[in-house]
């Protein structure tokens, strides 16, 4: 019987503040602290490090079509080299109206990529996060 690979990115006790303070780019660091504040206010959860570079809020248990299951963050972000990546797990289909008003960004399947916070409408971003968190809380 084949053993399923264990998820490498797990919640841990590393310091979120220390991690964000280590972000070299000053603007990305400031933007990350602002996103941290926004997500903390909306989720009412304490941020946790997931792996070495993702900050997550809350968690949920998933079971994929392949039978693989595990725990993953409800919402989170990571200040990557190219962009700040926000993890919006179910994707963006249901948020089309908000996405039209968001500003300058790109997306992957469940990632929202923002170069800097000033590129997007922060109020719309807050609305997007709020709507998304409502959906995820219903699922968990």
N, C-alpha and C. Protein backbone atom coordinates (compact mmCIF):
# COMPACT_ATOMS: atom_id res chain seq x y z
N UNK A 1 0.85 -1.18 0.00
CA UNK A 1 0.00 0.00 0.00
C UNK A 1 0.90 1.25 0.00
N UNK A 2 0.60 2.18 -0.88
CA UNK A 2 1.42 3.38 -1.01
C UNK A 2 1.16 4.33 0.16
N UNK A 3 2.22 4.88 0.69
CA UNK A 3 2.11 5.83 1.79
C UNK A 3 1.92 7.23 1.19
N UNK A 4 0.94 7.97 1.70
CA UNK A 4 0.74 9.32 1.18
C UNK A 4 1.79 10.24 1.79
N UNK A 5 2.25 11.17 0.99
CA UNK A 5 3.27 12.11 1.45
C UNK A 5 2.70 13.01 2.53
N UNK A 6 3.49 13.25 3.54
CA UNK A 6 3.05 14.11 4.63
C UNK A 6 3.23 15.57 4.23
N UNK A 7 2.27 16.39 4.59
CA UNK A 7 2.32 17.81 4.29
C UNK A 7 3.50 18.44 5.04
N UNK A 8 4.37 19.12 4.30
CA UNK A 8 5.56 19.71 4.90
C UNK A 8 5.26 21.00 5.66
N UNK A 9 4.27 21.75 5.17
CA UNK A 9 3.95 23.03 5.78
C UNK A 9 2.96 22.82 6.91
N UNK A 10 3.47 22.94 8.14
CA UNK A 10 2.63 22.72 9.32
C UNK A 10 2.71 23.92 10.25
N UNK A 11 1.66 24.06 11.03
CA UNK A 11 1.63 25.13 12.03
C UNK A 11 2.75 24.86 13.04
N UNK A 12 3.37 25.95 13.51
CA UNK A 12 4.46 25.80 14.48
C UNK A 12 4.49 27.01 15.42
N UNK A 13 5.42 27.00 16.34
CA UNK A 13 5.48 28.05 17.37
C UNK A 13 6.46 29.18 17.05
N UNK A 14 6.95 29.26 15.82
CA UNK A 14 7.88 30.33 15.46
C UNK A 14 7.17 31.68 15.63
N UNK A 15 7.94 32.72 15.87
CA UNK A 15 7.39 34.05 16.09
C UNK A 15 7.00 34.73 14.78
N UNK A 16 5.73 35.11 14.67
CA UNK A 16 5.23 35.85 13.50
C UNK A 16 5.93 37.19 13.41
N UNK A 17 6.05 37.89 14.53
CA UNK A 17 6.69 39.21 14.55
C UNK A 17 8.15 39.13 14.12
N UNK A 18 8.88 38.16 14.65
CA UNK A 18 10.29 38.00 14.26
C UNK A 18 10.40 37.71 12.76
N UNK A 19 9.52 36.85 12.26
CA UNK A 19 9.55 36.54 10.83
C UNK A 19 9.31 37.81 10.00
N UNK A 20 8.26 38.57 10.34
CA UNK A 20 7.97 39.78 9.57
C UNK A 20 9.08 40.82 9.70
N UNK A 21 9.67 40.92 10.88
CA UNK A 21 10.79 41.86 11.05
C UNK A 21 12.00 41.46 10.22
N UNK A 22 12.07 40.20 9.80
CA UNK A 22 13.21 39.74 8.99
C UNK A 22 13.01 39.98 7.50
N UNK A 23 11.83 40.48 7.09
CA UNK A 23 11.58 40.78 5.67
C UNK A 23 12.46 41.97 5.28
N UNK A 24 13.34 41.75 4.32
CA UNK A 24 14.34 42.76 3.95
C UNK A 24 13.75 44.03 3.35
N UNK A 25 12.78 43.88 2.45
CA UNK A 25 12.18 45.02 1.77
C UNK A 25 11.28 45.79 2.75
N UNK A 26 11.64 47.06 3.01
CA UNK A 26 10.93 47.85 4.02
C UNK A 26 9.44 48.01 3.71
N UNK A 27 9.09 48.30 2.45
CA UNK A 27 7.69 48.49 2.09
C UNK A 27 6.91 47.18 2.25
N UNK A 28 7.51 46.07 1.83
CA UNK A 28 6.86 44.77 1.96
C UNK A 28 6.65 44.42 3.43
N UNK A 29 7.62 44.78 4.26
CA UNK A 29 7.52 44.54 5.70
C UNK A 29 6.35 45.35 6.28
N UNK A 30 6.27 46.66 5.95
CA UNK A 30 5.17 47.52 6.43
C UNK A 30 3.82 46.98 5.95
N UNK A 31 3.74 46.63 4.67
CA UNK A 31 2.50 46.10 4.11
C UNK A 31 2.10 44.80 4.81
N UNK A 32 3.08 43.96 5.12
CA UNK A 32 2.81 42.68 5.78
C UNK A 32 2.25 42.90 7.18
N UNK A 33 2.79 43.86 7.91
CA UNK A 33 2.26 44.15 9.24
C UNK A 33 0.83 44.69 9.14
N UNK A 34 0.55 45.45 8.09
CA UNK A 34 -0.82 45.97 7.89
C UNK A 34 -1.78 44.81 7.56
N UNK A 35 -1.36 43.91 6.68
CA UNK A 35 -2.21 42.74 6.35
C UNK A 35 -2.42 41.88 7.60
N UNK A 36 -1.38 41.72 8.40
CA UNK A 36 -1.48 40.99 9.65
C UNK A 36 -2.59 41.59 10.52
N UNK A 37 -2.56 42.92 10.66
CA UNK A 37 -3.55 43.63 11.48
C UNK A 37 -4.97 43.42 10.92
N UNK A 38 -5.12 43.55 9.61
CA UNK A 38 -6.42 43.40 8.95
C UNK A 38 -6.96 41.98 9.18
N UNK A 39 -6.13 40.97 8.92
CA UNK A 39 -6.58 39.59 9.05
C UNK A 39 -6.91 39.24 10.51
N UNK A 40 -6.13 39.79 11.43
CA UNK A 40 -6.38 39.54 12.85
C UNK A 40 -7.73 40.13 13.26
N UNK A 41 -8.02 41.37 12.81
CA UNK A 41 -9.30 42.02 13.12
C UNK A 41 -10.47 41.25 12.55
N UNK A 42 -10.35 40.80 11.31
CA UNK A 42 -11.47 40.14 10.64
C UNK A 42 -11.69 38.72 11.14
N UNK A 43 -10.60 37.97 11.31
CA UNK A 43 -10.75 36.56 11.70
C UNK A 43 -10.98 36.38 13.20
N UNK A 44 -10.56 37.37 13.98
CA UNK A 44 -10.58 37.26 15.46
C UNK A 44 -9.74 36.06 15.93
N UNK A 45 -8.73 35.71 15.14
CA UNK A 45 -7.83 34.59 15.45
C UNK A 45 -6.43 35.15 15.68
N UNK A 46 -5.62 34.40 16.42
CA UNK A 46 -4.22 34.76 16.59
C UNK A 46 -3.42 34.19 15.42
N UNK A 47 -2.50 34.97 14.86
CA UNK A 47 -1.70 34.47 13.74
C UNK A 47 -0.71 33.40 14.20
N UNK A 48 -0.48 32.44 13.33
CA UNK A 48 0.49 31.37 13.59
C UNK A 48 1.36 31.20 12.35
N UNK A 49 2.59 30.82 12.58
CA UNK A 49 3.47 30.49 11.46
C UNK A 49 3.11 29.09 10.96
N UNK A 50 3.06 28.94 9.65
CA UNK A 50 2.86 27.66 8.98
C UNK A 50 4.12 27.46 8.16
N UNK A 51 4.91 26.47 8.50
CA UNK A 51 6.20 26.31 7.85
C UNK A 51 7.07 27.49 8.24
N UNK A 52 7.98 27.86 7.35
CA UNK A 52 8.92 28.93 7.69
C UNK A 52 8.54 30.29 7.12
N UNK A 53 7.48 30.35 6.26
CA UNK A 53 7.22 31.64 5.61
C UNK A 53 5.75 31.98 5.38
N UNK A 54 4.82 31.23 5.95
CA UNK A 54 3.40 31.53 5.78
C UNK A 54 2.80 31.87 7.14
N UNK A 55 2.03 32.95 7.17
CA UNK A 55 1.32 33.35 8.39
C UNK A 55 -0.14 32.99 8.17
N UNK A 56 -0.67 32.15 9.06
CA UNK A 56 -2.05 31.69 8.89
C UNK A 56 -2.92 32.04 10.08
N UNK A 57 -4.21 32.10 9.81
CA UNK A 57 -5.22 32.38 10.82
C UNK A 57 -6.25 31.27 10.77
N UNK A 58 -6.50 30.64 11.91
CA UNK A 58 -7.47 29.55 11.95
C UNK A 58 -6.98 28.35 11.17
N UNK A 59 -7.75 27.27 11.23
CA UNK A 59 -7.41 26.09 10.44
C UNK A 59 -8.69 25.30 10.18
N UNK A 60 -8.62 24.42 9.22
CA UNK A 60 -9.74 23.54 8.93
C UNK A 60 -9.17 22.20 8.47
N UNK A 61 -9.98 21.17 8.58
CA UNK A 61 -9.56 19.84 8.15
C UNK A 61 -10.11 19.61 6.75
N UNK A 62 -9.25 19.16 5.85
CA UNK A 62 -9.70 18.90 4.48
C UNK A 62 -9.48 17.44 4.14
N UNK A 63 -10.26 17.00 3.17
CA UNK A 63 -10.06 15.67 2.60
C UNK A 63 -10.20 15.83 1.10
N UNK A 64 -9.12 15.59 0.39
CA UNK A 64 -9.11 15.78 -1.05
C UNK A 64 -9.69 14.59 -1.81
N UNK A 65 -9.92 14.77 -3.08
CA UNK A 65 -10.47 13.72 -3.94
C UNK A 65 -9.55 12.50 -3.97
N UNK A 66 -8.26 12.72 -3.78
CA UNK A 66 -7.27 11.63 -3.81
C UNK A 66 -7.31 10.80 -2.53
N UNK A 67 -8.07 11.31 -1.53
CA UNK A 67 -8.10 10.63 -0.25
C UNK A 67 -7.14 11.25 0.75
N UNK A 68 -6.29 12.12 0.26
CA UNK A 68 -5.33 12.81 1.14
C UNK A 68 -6.10 13.77 2.05
N UNK A 69 -5.73 13.80 3.31
CA UNK A 69 -6.38 14.74 4.21
C UNK A 69 -5.37 15.34 5.17
N UNK A 70 -5.78 16.44 5.78
CA UNK A 70 -4.90 17.11 6.71
C UNK A 70 -5.52 18.40 7.19
N UNK A 71 -4.73 19.19 7.88
CA UNK A 71 -5.19 20.48 8.38
C UNK A 71 -4.47 21.59 7.62
N UNK A 72 -5.18 22.66 7.34
CA UNK A 72 -4.61 23.79 6.61
C UNK A 72 -5.20 25.07 7.15
N UNK A 73 -4.51 26.18 6.92
CA UNK A 73 -4.97 27.47 7.41
C UNK A 73 -6.24 27.90 6.70
N UNK A 74 -7.12 28.60 7.44
CA UNK A 74 -8.35 29.11 6.83
C UNK A 74 -8.02 30.25 5.87
N UNK A 75 -7.14 31.13 6.32
CA UNK A 75 -6.69 32.25 5.48
C UNK A 75 -5.28 32.61 5.95
N UNK A 76 -4.50 33.12 5.03
CA UNK A 76 -3.15 33.51 5.42
C UNK A 76 -2.45 34.28 4.32
N UNK A 77 -1.19 34.59 4.59
CA UNK A 77 -0.40 35.32 3.59
C UNK A 77 1.08 35.05 3.82
N UNK A 78 1.85 35.41 2.81
CA UNK A 78 3.30 35.26 2.89
C UNK A 78 3.97 36.37 2.09
N UNK A 79 4.90 37.09 2.71
CA UNK A 79 5.65 38.09 1.96
C UNK A 79 6.75 37.40 1.13
N UNK A 80 6.44 37.07 -0.10
CA UNK A 80 7.39 36.39 -0.98
C UNK A 80 8.28 37.42 -1.67
N UNK A 81 9.30 36.93 -2.34
CA UNK A 81 10.26 37.83 -3.01
C UNK A 81 9.57 38.72 -4.05
N UNK A 82 8.74 38.12 -4.90
CA UNK A 82 8.09 38.87 -5.98
C UNK A 82 6.86 39.66 -5.51
N UNK A 83 6.03 39.02 -4.66
CA UNK A 83 4.75 39.59 -4.27
C UNK A 83 4.44 39.21 -2.83
N UNK A 84 3.40 39.84 -2.32
CA UNK A 84 2.79 39.35 -1.09
C UNK A 84 1.68 38.40 -1.57
N UNK A 85 1.73 37.18 -1.11
CA UNK A 85 0.77 36.17 -1.53
C UNK A 85 -0.28 36.00 -0.43
N UNK A 86 -1.55 36.19 -0.80
CA UNK A 86 -2.65 35.94 0.13
C UNK A 86 -3.31 34.63 -0.28
N UNK A 87 -3.51 33.75 0.69
CA UNK A 87 -4.09 32.44 0.41
C UNK A 87 -5.60 32.48 0.63
N UNK A 88 -6.33 32.45 -0.49
CA UNK A 88 -7.79 32.46 -0.51
C UNK A 88 -8.19 31.09 -1.07
N UNK A 89 -8.34 30.11 -0.20
CA UNK A 89 -8.38 28.70 -0.57
C UNK A 89 -9.43 28.32 -1.63
N UNK A 90 -10.71 28.74 -1.50
CA UNK A 90 -11.67 28.27 -2.51
C UNK A 90 -11.57 29.00 -3.86
N UNK A 91 -10.63 29.90 -4.01
CA UNK A 91 -10.48 30.61 -5.27
C UNK A 91 -11.33 31.88 -5.30
N UNK A 92 -11.54 32.40 -6.51
CA UNK A 92 -12.09 33.75 -6.63
C UNK A 92 -13.40 33.84 -7.41
N UNK A 93 -13.91 32.72 -7.89
CA UNK A 93 -15.12 32.72 -8.72
C UNK A 93 -16.27 33.48 -8.08
N UNK A 94 -16.53 33.22 -6.81
CA UNK A 94 -17.70 33.83 -6.16
C UNK A 94 -17.47 35.29 -5.79
N UNK A 95 -16.28 35.81 -6.01
CA UNK A 95 -15.95 37.18 -5.60
C UNK A 95 -15.71 38.11 -6.79
N UNK A 96 -16.29 37.82 -7.92
CA UNK A 96 -16.01 38.58 -9.15
C UNK A 96 -16.28 40.08 -9.00
N UNK A 97 -17.38 40.44 -8.36
CA UNK A 97 -17.70 41.87 -8.21
C UNK A 97 -16.64 42.59 -7.38
N UNK A 98 -16.20 41.97 -6.30
CA UNK A 98 -15.15 42.57 -5.48
C UNK A 98 -13.83 42.63 -6.24
N UNK A 99 -13.53 41.57 -6.98
CA UNK A 99 -12.25 41.51 -7.70
C UNK A 99 -12.15 42.64 -8.73
N UNK A 100 -13.28 43.02 -9.34
CA UNK A 100 -13.29 44.10 -10.33
C UNK A 100 -12.87 45.43 -9.72
N UNK A 101 -13.14 45.60 -8.41
CA UNK A 101 -12.88 46.87 -7.73
C UNK A 101 -11.56 46.86 -6.96
N UNK A 102 -10.87 45.71 -6.95
CA UNK A 102 -9.71 45.55 -6.06
C UNK A 102 -8.49 46.38 -6.46
N UNK A 103 -8.22 46.49 -7.75
CA UNK A 103 -7.03 47.24 -8.16
C UNK A 103 -6.08 46.35 -8.93
N UNK A 104 -4.77 46.55 -8.69
CA UNK A 104 -3.72 45.86 -9.43
C UNK A 104 -3.26 44.61 -8.68
N UNK A 105 -3.50 43.44 -9.26
CA UNK A 105 -3.17 42.16 -8.63
C UNK A 105 -3.13 41.08 -9.71
N UNK A 106 -2.69 39.90 -9.32
CA UNK A 106 -2.84 38.73 -10.19
C UNK A 106 -3.27 37.58 -9.29
N UNK A 107 -3.73 36.51 -9.90
CA UNK A 107 -4.19 35.37 -9.10
C UNK A 107 -3.62 34.06 -9.64
N UNK A 108 -3.54 33.10 -8.74
CA UNK A 108 -3.30 31.71 -9.08
C UNK A 108 -4.57 30.99 -8.69
N UNK A 109 -4.53 29.67 -8.62
CA UNK A 109 -5.75 28.92 -8.29
C UNK A 109 -6.37 29.39 -6.97
N UNK A 110 -5.58 29.48 -5.93
CA UNK A 110 -6.12 29.94 -4.64
C UNK A 110 -5.22 30.99 -3.99
N UNK A 111 -4.47 31.70 -4.82
CA UNK A 111 -3.56 32.73 -4.32
C UNK A 111 -3.85 34.07 -4.99
N UNK A 112 -3.81 35.11 -4.17
CA UNK A 112 -3.94 36.48 -4.65
C UNK A 112 -2.56 37.10 -4.49
N UNK A 113 -1.99 37.59 -5.59
CA UNK A 113 -0.65 38.17 -5.57
C UNK A 113 -0.74 39.69 -5.67
N UNK A 114 -0.16 40.36 -4.69
CA UNK A 114 -0.17 41.82 -4.64
C UNK A 114 1.28 42.29 -4.50
N UNK A 115 1.69 43.19 -5.38
CA UNK A 115 3.06 43.72 -5.31
C UNK A 115 3.24 44.56 -4.04
N UNK A 116 2.31 45.50 -3.83
CA UNK A 116 2.32 46.32 -2.61
C UNK A 116 0.88 46.70 -2.29
N UNK A 117 0.64 46.97 -1.04
CA UNK A 117 -0.72 47.26 -0.58
C UNK A 117 -1.30 48.50 -1.26
N UNK A 118 -0.45 49.45 -1.61
CA UNK A 118 -0.92 50.68 -2.27
C UNK A 118 -1.46 50.41 -3.68
N UNK A 119 -1.23 49.21 -4.23
CA UNK A 119 -1.74 48.85 -5.56
C UNK A 119 -3.21 48.43 -5.52
N UNK A 120 -3.72 48.16 -4.32
CA UNK A 120 -5.10 47.69 -4.22
C UNK A 120 -5.93 48.61 -3.33
N UNK A 121 -7.24 48.53 -3.50
CA UNK A 121 -8.17 49.24 -2.64
C UNK A 121 -8.29 48.44 -1.35
N UNK A 122 -7.74 48.96 -0.26
CA UNK A 122 -7.68 48.22 1.01
C UNK A 122 -9.08 47.92 1.55
N UNK A 123 -10.03 48.83 1.35
CA UNK A 123 -11.40 48.56 1.82
C UNK A 123 -12.00 47.38 1.07
N UNK A 124 -11.74 47.29 -0.22
CA UNK A 124 -12.23 46.15 -1.01
C UNK A 124 -11.52 44.87 -0.56
N UNK A 125 -10.22 44.97 -0.29
CA UNK A 125 -9.47 43.81 0.21
C UNK A 125 -10.08 43.33 1.53
N UNK A 126 -10.42 44.26 2.43
CA UNK A 126 -11.05 43.89 3.69
C UNK A 126 -12.39 43.19 3.45
N UNK A 127 -13.18 43.71 2.49
CA UNK A 127 -14.46 43.07 2.15
C UNK A 127 -14.24 41.66 1.63
N UNK A 128 -13.25 41.50 0.77
CA UNK A 128 -12.93 40.19 0.21
C UNK A 128 -12.54 39.21 1.32
N UNK A 129 -11.68 39.63 2.22
CA UNK A 129 -11.25 38.78 3.33
C UNK A 129 -12.43 38.44 4.23
N UNK A 130 -13.29 39.44 4.51
CA UNK A 130 -14.46 39.22 5.36
C UNK A 130 -15.39 38.18 4.74
N UNK A 131 -15.70 38.32 3.45
CA UNK A 131 -16.59 37.37 2.77
C UNK A 131 -15.98 35.97 2.75
N UNK A 132 -14.72 35.92 2.47
CA UNK A 132 -14.02 34.64 2.41
C UNK A 132 -14.03 33.93 3.77
N UNK A 133 -13.75 34.69 4.84
CA UNK A 133 -13.71 34.11 6.19
C UNK A 133 -15.08 33.55 6.57
N UNK A 134 -16.17 34.26 6.18
CA UNK A 134 -17.53 33.75 6.46
C UNK A 134 -17.71 32.38 5.82
N UNK A 135 -17.28 32.23 4.58
CA UNK A 135 -17.40 30.97 3.85
C UNK A 135 -16.60 29.88 4.55
N UNK A 136 -15.36 30.19 4.92
CA UNK A 136 -14.49 29.18 5.53
C UNK A 136 -15.00 28.77 6.92
N UNK A 137 -15.56 29.71 7.68
CA UNK A 137 -16.06 29.37 9.02
C UNK A 137 -17.26 28.43 8.92
N UNK A 138 -18.06 28.55 7.85
CA UNK A 138 -19.19 27.65 7.64
C UNK A 138 -18.70 26.24 7.34
N UNK A 139 -17.56 26.15 6.66
CA UNK A 139 -17.01 24.84 6.25
C UNK A 139 -16.28 24.13 7.37
N UNK A 140 -15.83 24.87 8.38
CA UNK A 140 -15.02 24.21 9.41
C UNK A 140 -15.83 23.80 10.62
